[in-house]
Protein backbone atom coordinates (compact mmCIF):
# COMPACT_ATOMS: atom_id res chain seq x y z
CA MET A 1 37.49 18.81 -97.31
CA THR A 2 35.98 18.35 -93.89
CA MET A 3 37.75 16.56 -90.96
CA ARG A 4 35.94 15.21 -88.00
CA PHE A 5 37.33 13.83 -84.87
CA GLU A 6 35.70 12.74 -81.68
CA ARG A 7 37.11 13.58 -78.33
CA GLU A 8 35.91 12.93 -74.78
CA LEU A 9 36.03 16.10 -72.70
CA LYS A 10 36.11 15.98 -68.93
CA SER A 11 34.04 18.43 -67.02
CA TYR A 12 37.17 19.87 -65.47
CA ALA A 13 40.49 21.12 -66.59
CA GLU A 14 43.62 19.04 -66.03
CA PRO A 15 46.63 21.25 -65.42
CA ILE A 16 50.02 19.82 -64.97
CA SER A 17 51.20 19.02 -61.48
CA SER A 18 54.44 20.35 -59.97
CA ALA A 19 55.83 16.85 -59.73
CA GLN A 20 55.17 16.17 -63.49
CA LEU A 21 57.07 19.27 -64.65
CA LYS A 22 60.28 18.42 -66.69
CA GLU A 23 62.98 20.92 -67.39
CA GLY A 24 63.21 21.83 -71.01
CA SER A 25 59.74 20.57 -71.76
CA ILE A 26 57.11 22.82 -73.46
CA TYR A 27 53.88 23.64 -71.72
CA PHE A 28 51.08 26.03 -72.35
CA PHE A 29 49.69 28.76 -70.25
CA VAL A 30 45.94 29.00 -70.77
CA ASN A 31 44.18 32.06 -69.24
CA PHE A 32 40.98 33.80 -69.89
CA ILE A 33 40.51 37.58 -70.28
CA ASP A 34 36.79 37.56 -69.11
CA GLY A 35 34.94 36.06 -66.19
CA GLU A 36 32.72 34.05 -68.45
CA LEU A 37 35.73 32.12 -69.85
CA LEU A 38 34.86 32.95 -73.39
CA ILE A 39 38.09 34.81 -74.44
CA PRO A 40 41.13 32.50 -74.06
CA THR A 41 44.74 33.26 -74.47
CA MET A 42 47.32 30.54 -74.96
CA GLU A 43 50.97 31.02 -74.51
CA PRO A 44 53.72 28.34 -75.18
CA VAL A 45 56.52 28.31 -72.48
CA VAL A 46 59.41 26.12 -71.48
CA PHE A 47 59.85 24.86 -67.96
CA ALA A 48 63.19 26.24 -66.99
CA GLY A 49 63.43 25.01 -63.44
CA ARG A 50 62.94 25.61 -59.76
CA ASN A 51 64.20 27.92 -56.94
CA PHE A 52 66.71 29.96 -59.04
CA GLU A 53 67.14 32.80 -56.66
CA PRO A 54 68.49 32.60 -53.03
CA GLY A 55 65.67 32.11 -50.62
CA ASP A 56 63.24 30.57 -53.22
CA VAL A 57 61.21 27.79 -51.89
CA GLY A 58 58.62 26.16 -54.05
CA ARG A 59 59.12 28.51 -56.89
CA VAL A 60 58.90 27.42 -60.54
CA TYR A 61 60.34 29.31 -63.49
CA PHE A 62 58.97 29.35 -67.13
CA GLN A 63 60.65 30.91 -70.13
CA ASP A 64 59.32 32.05 -73.47
CA VAL A 65 59.90 29.42 -76.19
CA TYR A 66 61.69 31.71 -78.61
CA SER A 67 64.58 32.69 -76.34
CA TYR A 68 64.89 29.18 -74.98
CA ARG A 69 65.31 27.85 -78.57
CA GLU A 70 67.97 30.67 -79.07
CA GLY A 71 69.97 29.12 -76.25
CA ILE A 72 69.36 31.75 -73.55
CA ARG A 73 69.21 30.47 -70.00
CA TYR A 74 68.22 32.16 -66.72
CA ASP A 75 71.63 32.15 -65.31
CA MET A 76 73.30 33.72 -68.34
CA PRO A 77 74.40 37.36 -68.38
CA GLU A 78 71.87 39.73 -69.97
CA PRO A 79 72.24 39.73 -73.77
CA ALA A 80 73.61 42.85 -75.38
CA SER A 81 70.69 43.19 -77.83
CA GLU A 82 67.01 43.53 -77.12
CA GLU A 83 66.32 41.04 -79.93
CA SER A 84 68.03 38.43 -77.83
CA SER A 85 66.10 38.99 -74.47
CA ALA A 86 64.18 36.34 -72.73
CA GLU A 87 60.98 36.59 -70.71
CA PHE A 88 60.66 34.57 -67.55
CA HIS A 89 57.56 33.85 -65.49
CA THR A 90 57.75 32.63 -61.90
CA GLY A 91 55.30 31.58 -59.41
CA SER A 92 54.47 29.13 -56.64
CA GLU A 93 54.61 25.39 -57.57
CA ASP A 94 51.25 25.23 -55.80
CA GLU A 95 49.56 27.62 -58.31
CA LEU A 96 49.83 25.79 -61.65
CA GLY A 97 46.11 25.83 -62.55
CA HIS A 98 46.79 27.67 -65.85
CA VAL A 99 49.77 25.36 -66.94
CA PHE A 100 48.95 22.52 -69.27
CA GLU A 101 50.45 19.93 -71.71
CA TYR A 102 49.28 20.35 -75.22
CA GLU A 103 46.48 17.86 -75.21
CA GLN A 104 45.04 19.21 -71.99
CA ALA A 105 45.30 22.78 -73.19
CA LEU A 106 43.39 21.72 -76.23
CA ASP A 107 40.67 20.32 -74.18
CA VAL A 108 40.35 23.69 -72.42
CA LEU A 109 40.08 25.47 -75.69
CA ILE A 110 37.51 22.93 -77.00
CA ALA A 111 35.47 23.53 -73.70
CA CYS A 112 35.71 27.25 -74.36
CA SER A 113 34.58 26.60 -77.88
CA LEU A 114 31.46 24.88 -76.73
CA ARG A 115 30.67 27.56 -74.16
CA ARG A 116 31.09 30.23 -76.85
CA ARG A 117 28.78 28.34 -79.26
CA LYS A 118 26.24 27.89 -76.35
CA SER A 119 26.35 31.57 -75.41
CA MET A 120 25.62 32.72 -78.99
CA HIS A 121 22.49 30.56 -79.03
CA ALA A 122 21.32 31.68 -75.58
């Protein structure tokens, strides 16, 4: 069985803006290992919030999906076991070029697939 779908791709990526981030929502970090943008990585994360530490200004925090679903939050004491640890990512709210909602992340991966196909036939 073959499925076919059509999708209009923009010539540019559409990352999420800082103003669009919603606490508790899932986003996707899409990065590339190589300069040709042919080897992608995609990591699901949850937006945990902003400015958690004293002195933070314009800082955003993301958490791994697994620990978030276990109920672990940034301000909780460290869990006793390593199996229950959380991974947090923080950065400037002005540098979100790798953070996407699902559909936009899919567009980035489809564009990568087209580049890969083109590079194989070059």
